[in-house]
Amino acid sequence: MSRRPYVVGNWKMHKTVAESEAFVQALLPRVAAAGGVDFGVCPPFLSLQPVVDSARGSQLTVFAQNMHAADKGAFTGEVSAPMLADVDVHGVLLGHSERRQYFGETDEALREKVPKALDAGLVPMLCVGETGDERKGGRTEDVVAGQLRGGLEDVAAERLAEVVVAYEPVWAIGTGDTATPEQAQEAIAFIRGVLADLGADAEAVRILYGGSVKVDNLEELMALPDVDGALVGGASLEPEAFAEMVSIAERGA
């Protein structure tokens, strides 16, 4: 099966509303001719609506960086799936390593969030990955399998192909250390196997690599048989570089 490549930029806590809108205006002419590839961005919450509006009529998809599992309630500072759907957000990033590390995100919480996102019509992008110590200890597969099974436990098998998975080795995020092609391929092929064990049409699931992705290494990553794209951090903040990465992914399709 030929899976359509996906390149998604996670802006994290960067860009004001004006800066977000300027990015979209600079990006869209550069990717207007892109075909055979999907691309999106994850702006901060305040920029979601402006970016959605700026991207209307284009191929650019917009993801939120997080959401709460409840539809509404006394959860100060949180945003729900129906709220995101109401502003026409395409999807939501879930379980990013920074959410796990700094904000106590657990597999139990994700078990509720992933199906809630699907029910709201959002595309969940579930992030999984091991720390440096876990890799050194030979626990990569146990950790990644546990995160996948925990986050996807309450998703019906026939809906698993609607989830995008991002493998992001924590030791590579923001460090400049990218997993070797062999490490990335091995981990992502393993993820595809776990998804098959869960009953998914695993060959239909798009699995992205994340962790110090940039223009200089994306082509090598896209050449790997099980890598379907990239979740890009800091290198996605400039429209010129992000447009080049979309082009690289398109050529590698």
C-alpha atoms as a PDB file:
ATOM      1  CA  MET A   1       0.000   0.000   0.000  1.00  0.00           C
ATOM      2  CA  SER A   2       1.250   3.462  -0.866  1.00  0.00           C
ATOM      3  CA  ARG A   3       0.844   5.739   2.147  1.00  0.00           C
ATOM      4  CA  ARG A   4       0.642   9.457   1.478  1.00  0.00           C
ATOM      5  CA  PRO A   5       3.562  11.275   3.152  1.00  0.00           C
ATOM      6  CA  TYR A   6       2.814  13.729   5.952  1.00  0.00           C
ATOM      7  CA  VAL A   7       5.022  16.532   7.246  1.00  0.00           C
ATOM      8  CA  VAL A   8       3.773  18.351  10.347  1.00  0.00           C
ATOM      9  CA  GLY A   9       5.441  21.280  12.099  1.00  0.00           C
ATOM     10  CA  ASN A  10       5.031  21.520  15.860  1.00  0.00           C
ATOM     11  CA  TRP A  11       5.525  25.167  16.796  1.00  0.00           C
ATOM     12  CA  LYS A  12       5.368  24.428  20.536  1.00  0.00           C
ATOM     13  CA  MET A  13       5.253  27.724  22.501  1.00  0.00           C
ATOM     14  CA  HIS A  14       6.351  29.941  19.625  1.00  0.00           C
ATOM     15  CA  LYS A  15       4.680  32.616  17.477  1.00  0.00           C
ATOM     16  CA  THR A  16       2.147  35.305  18.291  1.00  0.00           C
ATOM     17  CA  VAL A  17      -1.077  35.494  16.307  1.00  0.00           C
ATOM     18  CA  ALA A  18       0.478  38.021  13.917  1.00  0.00           C
ATOM     19  CA  GLU A  19       3.588  35.873  13.465  1.00  0.00           C
ATOM     20  CA  SER A  20       1.436  32.790  12.856  1.00  0.00           C
ATOM     21  CA  GLU A  21      -0.603  34.524  10.180  1.00  0.00           C
ATOM     22  CA  ALA A  22       2.549  35.872   8.531  1.00  0.00           C
ATOM     23  CA  PHE A  23       3.989  32.342   8.441  1.00  0.00           C
ATOM     24  CA  VAL A  24       0.932  30.982   6.619  1.00  0.00           C
ATOM     25  CA  GLN A  25       0.959  33.843   4.134  1.00  0.00           C
ATOM     26  CA  ALA A  26       4.636  33.186   3.399  1.00  0.00           C
ATOM     27  CA  LEU A  27       4.239  29.403   3.246  1.00  0.00           C
ATOM     28  CA  LEU A  28       1.215  28.934   1.017  1.00  0.00           C
ATOM     29  CA  PRO A  29       2.700  30.321  -2.227  1.00  0.00           C
ATOM     30  CA  ARG A  30       5.716  28.076  -1.726  1.00  0.00           C
ATOM     31  CA  VAL A  31       3.640  24.885  -1.425  1.00  0.00           C
ATOM     32  CA  ALA A  32       0.784  25.732  -3.802  1.00  0.00           C
ATOM     33  CA  ALA A  33       1.948  23.168  -6.339  1.00  0.00           C
ATOM     34  CA  ALA A  34       2.590  20.391  -3.849  1.00  0.00           C
ATOM     35  CA  GLY A  35       0.852  17.159  -4.778  1.00  0.00           C
ATOM     36  CA  GLY A  36       0.936  13.692  -3.312  1.00  0.00           C
ATOM     37  CA  VAL A  37       1.949  14.965   0.119  1.00  0.00           C
ATOM     38  CA  ASP A  38       0.058  16.246   3.154  1.00  0.00           C
ATOM     39  CA  PHE A  39       1.432  18.940   5.438  1.00  0.00           C
ATOM     40  CA  GLY A  40       0.262  20.717   8.554  1.00  0.00           C
ATOM     41  CA  VAL A  41       1.239  22.831  11.535  1.00  0.00           C
ATOM     42  CA  CYS A  42       0.531  22.757  15.269  1.00  0.00           C
ATOM     43  CA  PRO A  43       0.204  26.378  16.434  1.00  0.00           C
ATOM     44  CA  PRO A  44      -0.316  27.503  20.048  1.00  0.00           C
ATOM     45  CA  PHE A  45      -3.962  27.641  21.126  1.00  0.00           C
ATOM     46  CA  LEU A  46      -4.338  31.405  20.615  1.00  0.00           C
ATOM     47  CA  SER A  47      -3.276  31.063  16.982  1.00  0.00           C
ATOM     48  CA  LEU A  48      -5.475  28.100  16.056  1.00  0.00           C
ATOM     49  CA  GLN A  49      -8.455  30.053  14.746  1.00  0.00           C
ATOM     50  CA  PRO A  50      -6.348  32.651  12.869  1.00  0.00           C
ATOM     51  CA  VAL A  51      -4.253  29.928  11.227  1.00  0.00           C
ATOM     52  CA  VAL A  52      -7.336  27.898  10.295  1.00  0.00           C
ATOM     53  CA  ASP A  53      -8.855  31.004   8.712  1.00  0.00           C
ATOM     54  CA  SER A  54      -5.622  31.895   6.917  1.00  0.00           C
ATOM     55  CA  ALA A  55      -5.298  28.358   5.557  1.00  0.00           C
ATOM     56  CA  ARG A  56      -8.874  27.982   4.252  1.00  0.00           C
ATOM     57  CA  GLY A  57      -8.942  26.757   0.677  1.00  0.00           C
ATOM     58  CA  SER A  58      -5.372  25.456   0.879  1.00  0.00           C
ATOM     59  CA  GLN A  59      -3.886  22.029   1.576  1.00  0.00           C
ATOM     60  CA  LEU A  60      -2.480  23.139   4.945  1.00  0.00           C
ATOM     61  CA  THR A  61      -3.955  21.214   7.871  1.00  0.00           C
ATOM     62  CA  VAL A  62      -3.995  22.573  11.410  1.00  0.00           C
ATOM     63  CA  PHE A  63      -3.437  20.557  14.593  1.00  0.00           C
ATOM     64  CA  ALA A  64      -3.859  21.598  18.202  1.00  0.00           C
ATOM     65  CA  GLN A  65      -0.997  20.700  20.533  1.00  0.00           C
ATOM     66  CA  ASN A  66      -3.141  19.068  23.224  1.00  0.00           C
ATOM     67  CA  MET A  67      -6.711  18.646  24.500  1.00  0.00           C
ATOM     68  CA  HIS A  68      -8.633  17.436  27.544  1.00  0.00           C
ATOM     69  CA  ALA A  69     -10.597  14.191  27.464  1.00  0.00           C
ATOM     70  CA  ALA A  70     -13.803  15.732  28.853  1.00  0.00           C
ATOM     71  CA  ASP A  71     -16.212  17.632  26.597  1.00  0.00           C
ATOM     72  CA  LYS A  72     -16.626  20.359  29.229  1.00  0.00           C
ATOM     73  CA  GLY A  73     -16.278  20.906  32.949  1.00  0.00           C
ATOM     74  CA  ALA A  74     -14.316  22.523  35.750  1.00  0.00           C
ATOM     75  CA  PHE A  75     -10.891  22.084  34.187  1.00  0.00           C
ATOM     76  CA  THR A  76      -9.299  25.516  34.282  1.00  0.00           C
ATOM     77  CA  GLY A  77      -6.859  26.140  31.471  1.00  0.00           C
ATOM     78  CA  GLU A  78      -7.975  23.179  29.363  1.00  0.00           C
ATOM     79  CA  VAL A  79      -9.584  22.885  25.905  1.00  0.00           C
ATOM     80  CA  SER A  80     -11.898  20.096  24.762  1.00  0.00           C
ATOM     81  CA  ALA A  81     -12.235  18.167  21.510  1.00  0.00           C
ATOM     82  CA  PRO A  82     -15.626  19.744  20.663  1.00  0.00           C
ATOM     83  CA  MET A  83     -14.084  23.199  21.137  1.00  0.00           C
ATOM     84  CA  LEU A  84     -11.314  22.322  18.681  1.00  0.00           C
ATOM     85  CA  ALA A  85     -13.759  20.870  16.182  1.00  0.00           C
ATOM     86  CA  ASP A  86     -15.860  24.027  16.476  1.00  0.00           C
ATOM     87  CA  VAL A  87     -13.018  26.139  15.060  1.00  0.00           C
ATOM     88  CA  ASP A  88     -12.403  23.620  12.226  1.00  0.00           C
ATOM     89  CA  VAL A  89      -9.134  22.257  13.564  1.00  0.00           C
ATOM     90  CA  HIS A  90      -8.110  19.176  11.573  1.00  0.00           C
ATOM     91  CA  GLY A  91      -6.449  17.183  14.329  1.00  0.00           C
ATOM     92  CA  VAL A  92      -4.661  17.173  17.657  1.00  0.00           C
ATOM     93  CA  LEU A  93      -1.203  16.181  18.857  1.00  0.00           C
ATOM     94  CA  LEU A  94      -1.452  13.815  21.823  1.00  0.00           C
ATOM     95  CA  GLY A  95       1.165  12.423  24.157  1.00  0.00           C
ATOM     96  CA  HIS A  96       4.082  14.539  22.993  1.00  0.00           C
ATOM     97  CA  SER A  97       7.132  13.762  25.113  1.00  0.00           C
ATOM     98  CA  GLU A  98       7.134  17.289  26.534  1.00  0.00           C
ATOM     99  CA  ARG A  99       3.552  16.782  27.716  1.00  0.00           C
ATOM    100  CA  ARG A 100       4.578  13.491  29.292  1.00  0.00           C
ATOM    101  CA  GLN A 101       7.750  14.892  30.871  1.00  0.00           C
ATOM    102  CA  TYR A 102       6.668  18.340  32.063  1.00  0.00           C
ATOM    103  CA  PHE A 103       2.910  18.004  32.558  1.00  0.00           C
ATOM    104  CA  GLY A 104       2.436  14.458  33.778  1.00  0.00           C
ATOM    105  CA  GLU A 105       0.646  13.112  30.693  1.00  0.00           C
ATOM    106  CA  THR A 106      -0.036   9.410  31.241  1.00  0.00           C
ATOM    107  CA  ASP A 107      -1.056   6.510  29.046  1.00  0.00           C
ATOM    108  CA  GLU A 108      -4.257   6.347  31.104  1.00  0.00           C
ATOM    109  CA  ALA A 109      -5.131   9.927  30.131  1.00  0.00           C
ATOM    110  CA  LEU A 110      -4.334   9.231  26.492  1.00  0.00           C
ATOM    111  CA  ARG A 111      -6.557   6.169  26.557  1.00  0.00           C
ATOM    112  CA  GLU A 112      -9.452   8.602  27.013  1.00  0.00           C
ATOM    113  CA  LYS A 113      -8.170  11.353  24.734  1.00  0.00           C
ATOM    114  CA  VAL A 114      -7.536   9.375  21.537  1.00  0.00           C
ATOM    115  CA  PRO A 115     -11.065   7.973  21.096  1.00  0.00           C
ATOM    116  CA  LYS A 116     -12.548  11.310  22.209  1.00  0.00           C
ATOM    117  CA  ALA A 117     -10.626  13.058  19.438  1.00  0.00           C
ATOM    118  CA  LEU A 118     -11.842  10.530  16.879  1.00  0.00           C
ATOM    119  CA  ASP A 119     -15.442  10.902  18.039  1.00  0.00           C
ATOM    120  CA  ALA A 120     -15.162  14.678  17.544  1.00  0.00           C
ATOM    121  CA  GLY A 121     -13.959  14.220  13.965  1.00  0.00           C
ATOM    122  CA  LEU A 122     -10.353  15.113  14.746  1.00  0.00           C
ATOM    123  CA  VAL A 123      -7.271  13.236  13.569  1.00  0.00           C
ATOM    124  CA  PRO A 124      -5.262  12.171  16.637  1.00  0.00           C
ATOM    125  CA  MET A 125      -1.485  12.135  16.225  1.00  0.00           C
ATOM    126  CA  LEU A 126      -0.232   9.896  19.026  1.00  0.00           C
ATOM    127  CA  CYS A 127       3.406  10.415  20.002  1.00  0.00           C
ATOM    128  CA  VAL A 128       5.470   7.570  21.420  1.00  0.00           C
ATOM    129  CA  GLY A 129       9.159   7.174  22.161  1.00  0.00           C
ATOM    130  CA  GLU A 130      11.815   6.158  24.652  1.00  0.00           C
ATOM    131  CA  THR A 131      14.286   8.166  26.716  1.00  0.00           C
ATOM    132  CA  GLY A 132      18.034   7.796  26.391  1.00  0.00           C
ATOM    133  CA  ASP A 133      18.241   5.707  29.540  1.00  0.00           C
ATOM    134  CA  GLU A 134      15.447   3.422  28.321  1.00  0.00           C
ATOM    135  CA  ARG A 135      17.251   2.869  25.016  1.00  0.00           C
ATOM    136  CA  LYS A 136      20.558   2.187  26.738  1.00  0.00           C
ATOM    137  CA  GLY A 137      18.765  -0.283  28.977  1.00  0.00           C
ATOM    138  CA  GLY A 138      17.388  -2.186  26.002  1.00  0.00           C
ATOM    139  CA  ARG A 139      13.804  -1.187  26.846  1.00  0.00           C
ATOM    140  CA  THR A 140      12.867   0.675  23.669  1.00  0.00           C
ATOM    141  CA  GLU A 141      10.382  -1.909  22.427  1.00  0.00           C
ATOM    142  CA  ASP A 142       8.771  -2.440  25.832  1.00  0.00           C
ATOM    143  CA  VAL A 143       8.316   1.310  26.350  1.00  0.00           C
ATOM    144  CA  VAL A 144       6.983   2.023  22.875  1.00  0.00           C
ATOM    145  CA  ALA A 145       4.649  -0.977  22.882  1.00  0.00           C
ATOM    146  CA  GLY A 146       3.314   0.051  26.293  1.00  0.00           C
ATOM    147  CA  GLN A 147       2.628   3.586  25.119  1.00  0.00           C
ATOM    148  CA  LEU A 148       0.873   2.369  21.981  1.00  0.00           C
ATOM    149  CA  ARG A 149      -1.252  -0.190  23.774  1.00  0.00           C
ATOM    150  CA  GLY A 150      -2.070   2.259  26.563  1.00  0.00           C
ATOM    151  CA  GLY A 151      -3.087   5.105  24.284  1.00  0.00           C
ATOM    152  CA  LEU A 152      -5.007   2.971  21.784  1.00  0.00           C
ATOM    153  CA  GLU A 153      -6.651   0.454  24.100  1.00  0.00           C
ATOM    154  CA  ASP A 154     -10.146   1.943  23.755  1.00  0.00           C
ATOM    155  CA  VAL A 155      -9.979   2.608  20.004  1.00  0.00           C
ATOM    156  CA  ALA A 156     -11.934   0.135  17.896  1.00  0.00           C
ATOM    157  CA  ALA A 157      -9.670  -1.888  15.604  1.00  0.00           C
ATOM    158  CA  GLU A 158     -11.413  -0.616  12.492  1.00  0.00           C
ATOM    159  CA  ARG A 159     -10.630   2.978  13.494  1.00  0.00           C
ATOM    160  CA  LEU A 160      -6.941   2.524  14.269  1.00  0.00           C
ATOM    161  CA  ALA A 161      -5.951   3.439  10.708  1.00  0.00           C
ATOM    162  CA  GLU A 162      -7.445   6.905  11.321  1.00  0.00           C
ATOM    163  CA  VAL A 163      -4.758   7.580  13.929  1.00  0.00           C
ATOM    164  CA  VAL A 164      -1.394   9.011  12.880  1.00  0.00           C
ATOM    165  CA  VAL A 165       1.512   7.784  15.010  1.00  0.00           C
ATOM    166  CA  ALA A 166       4.683   9.797  15.564  1.00  0.00           C
ATOM    167  CA  TYR A 167       7.775   7.997  16.824  1.00  0.00           C
ATOM    168  CA  GLU A 168       9.898  10.548  18.658  1.00  0.00           C
ATOM    169  CA  PRO A 169      12.879   9.172  20.555  1.00  0.00           C
ATOM    170  CA  VAL A 170      13.046  11.550  23.515  1.00  0.00           C
ATOM    171  CA  TRP A 171      16.840  11.566  23.439  1.00  0.00           C
ATOM    172  CA  ALA A 172      16.750  13.094  19.928  1.00  0.00           C
ATOM    173  CA  ILE A 173      14.252  15.906  20.525  1.00  0.00           C
ATOM    174  CA  GLY A 174      15.872  19.315  20.390  1.00  0.00           C
ATOM    175  CA  THR A 175      19.335  17.808  20.881  1.00  0.00           C
ATOM    176  CA  GLY A 176      20.521  17.753  17.290  1.00  0.00           C
ATOM    177  CA  ASP A 177      20.948  13.982  17.620  1.00  0.00           C
ATOM    178  CA  THR A 178      18.737  12.269  15.073  1.00  0.00           C
ATOM    179  CA  ALA A 179      18.199   8.533  15.220  1.00  0.00           C
ATOM    180  CA  THR A 180      20.257   6.720  12.606  1.00  0.00           C
ATOM    181  CA  PRO A 181      18.276   5.452   9.614  1.00  0.00           C
ATOM    182  CA  GLU A 182      18.656   1.938  10.991  1.00  0.00           C
ATOM    183  CA  GLN A 183      17.307   2.967  14.414  1.00  0.00           C
ATOM    184  CA  ALA A 184      14.374   4.876  12.925  1.00  0.00           C
ATOM    185  CA  GLN A 185      13.407   2.084  10.530  1.00  0.00           C
ATOM    186  CA  GLU A 186      13.708  -0.596  13.194  1.00  0.00           C
ATOM    187  CA  ALA A 187      11.547   1.299  15.689  1.00  0.00           C
ATOM    188  CA  ILE A 188       8.877   2.300  13.190  1.00  0.00           C
ATOM    189  CA  ALA A 189       8.668  -1.191  11.692  1.00  0.00           C
ATOM    190  CA  PHE A 190       8.212  -2.462  15.257  1.00  0.00           C
ATOM    191  CA  ILE A 191       5.410   0.068  15.800  1.00  0.00           C
ATOM    192  CA  ARG A 192       3.680  -1.163  12.656  1.00  0.00           C
ATOM    193  CA  GLY A 193       3.886  -4.688  14.021  1.00  0.00           C
ATOM    194  CA  VAL A 194       2.314  -3.670  17.338  1.00  0.00           C
ATOM    195  CA  LEU A 195      -0.501  -1.925  15.466  1.00  0.00           C
ATOM    196  CA  ALA A 196      -1.128  -5.121  13.507  1.00  0.00           C
ATOM    197  CA  ASP A 197      -1.290  -7.046  16.783  1.00  0.00           C
ATOM    198  CA  LEU A 198      -3.933  -4.561  17.957  1.00  0.00           C
ATOM    199  CA  GLY A 199      -6.046  -5.411  14.932  1.00  0.00           C
ATOM    200  CA  ALA A 200      -5.224  -2.388  12.793  1.00  0.00           C
ATOM    201  CA  ASP A 201      -4.786  -2.385   9.051  1.00  0.00           C
ATOM    202  CA  ALA A 202      -1.183  -1.576   9.882  1.00  0.00           C
ATOM    203  CA  GLU A 203      -0.109  -1.003   6.280  1.00  0.00           C
ATOM    204  CA  ALA A 204      -2.614   1.873   6.118  1.00  0.00           C
ATOM    205  CA  VAL A 205      -1.374   3.676   9.244  1.00  0.00           C
ATOM    206  CA  ARG A 206       0.914   6.630   8.679  1.00  0.00           C
ATOM    207  CA  ILE A 207       3.874   6.624  11.068  1.00  0.00           C
ATOM    208  CA  LEU A 208       6.067   9.722  11.249  1.00  0.00           C
ATOM    209  CA  TYR A 209       9.538  10.216  12.683  1.00  0.00           C
ATOM    210  CA  GLY A 210      10.200  13.122  15.047  1.00  0.00           C
ATOM    211  CA  GLY A 211      13.424  14.198  16.707  1.00  0.00           C
ATOM    212  CA  SER A 212      15.776  16.910  15.381  1.00  0.00           C
ATOM    213  CA  VAL A 213      14.340  16.611  11.861  1.00  0.00           C
ATOM    214  CA  LYS A 214      15.630  19.233   9.456  1.00  0.00           C
ATOM    215  CA  VAL A 215      16.156  19.868   5.761  1.00  0.00           C
ATOM    216  CA  ASP A 216      19.531  18.128   5.849  1.00  0.00           C
ATOM    217  CA  ASN A 217      18.305  14.755   7.119  1.00  0.00           C
ATOM    218  CA  LEU A 218      14.693  14.462   5.945  1.00  0.00           C
ATOM    219  CA  GLU A 219      15.507  12.957   2.558  1.00  0.00           C
ATOM    220  CA  GLU A 220      17.393  10.088   4.187  1.00  0.00           C
ATOM    221  CA  LEU A 221      14.519   9.471   6.601  1.00  0.00           C
ATOM    222  CA  MET A 222      11.887   9.569   3.849  1.00  0.00           C
ATOM    223  CA  ALA A 223      13.799   6.870   1.934  1.00  0.00           C
ATOM    224  CA  LEU A 224      13.087   4.353   4.714  1.00  0.00           C
ATOM    225  CA  PRO A 225      10.295   1.900   3.832  1.00  0.00           C
ATOM    226  CA  ASP A 226       8.245   2.363   7.003  1.00  0.00           C
ATOM    227  CA  VAL A 227       8.745   6.114   7.562  1.00  0.00           C
ATOM    228  CA  ASP A 228       5.788   8.061   6.185  1.00  0.00           C
ATOM    229  CA  GLY A 229       6.849  11.590   7.072  1.00  0.00           C
ATOM    230  CA  ALA A 230       8.067  13.750   9.904  1.00  0.00           C
ATOM    231  CA  LEU A 231       6.949  15.620  12.984  1.00  0.00           C
ATOM    232  CA  VAL A 232       9.246  18.640  12.868  1.00  0.00           C
ATOM    233  CA  GLY A 233      10.070  20.944  15.776  1.00  0.00           C
ATOM    234  CA  GLY A 234      12.331  23.987  15.567  1.00  0.00           C
ATOM    235  CA  ALA A 235      13.085  23.530  11.876  1.00  0.00           C
ATOM    236  CA  SER A 236       9.404  24.125  11.076  1.00  0.00           C
ATOM    237  CA  LEU A 237       9.359  27.691  12.413  1.00  0.00           C
ATOM    238  CA  GLU A 238      10.635  29.261   9.189  1.00  0.00           C
ATOM    239  CA  PRO A 239       8.317  29.030   6.156  1.00  0.00           C
ATOM    240  CA  GLU A 240      11.180  28.635   3.686  1.00  0.00           C
ATOM    241  CA  ALA A 241      12.653  25.632   5.502  1.00  0.00           C
ATOM    242  CA  PHE A 242       9.254  24.054   6.087  1.00  0.00           C
ATOM    243  CA  ALA A 243       8.314  24.453   2.412  1.00  0.00           C
ATOM    244  CA  GLU A 244      11.571  22.754   1.444  1.00  0.00           C
ATOM    245  CA  MET A 245      10.742  19.848   3.745  1.00  0.00           C
ATOM    246  CA  VAL A 246       7.315  19.501   2.112  1.00  0.00           C
ATOM    247  CA  SER A 247       9.092  19.383  -1.254  1.00  0.00           C
ATOM    248  CA  ILE A 248      11.540  16.734  -0.018  1.00  0.00           C
ATOM    249  CA  ALA A 249       8.681  14.578   1.283  1.00  0.00           C
ATOM    250  CA  GLU A 250       6.861  14.945  -2.023  1.00  0.00           C
ATOM    251  CA  ARG A 251       9.929  13.827  -3.983  1.00  0.00           C
ATOM    252  CA  GLY A 252      10.316  10.852  -1.680  1.00  0.00           C
ATOM    253  CA  ALA A 253       6.715   9.740  -2.113  1.00  0.00           C
END
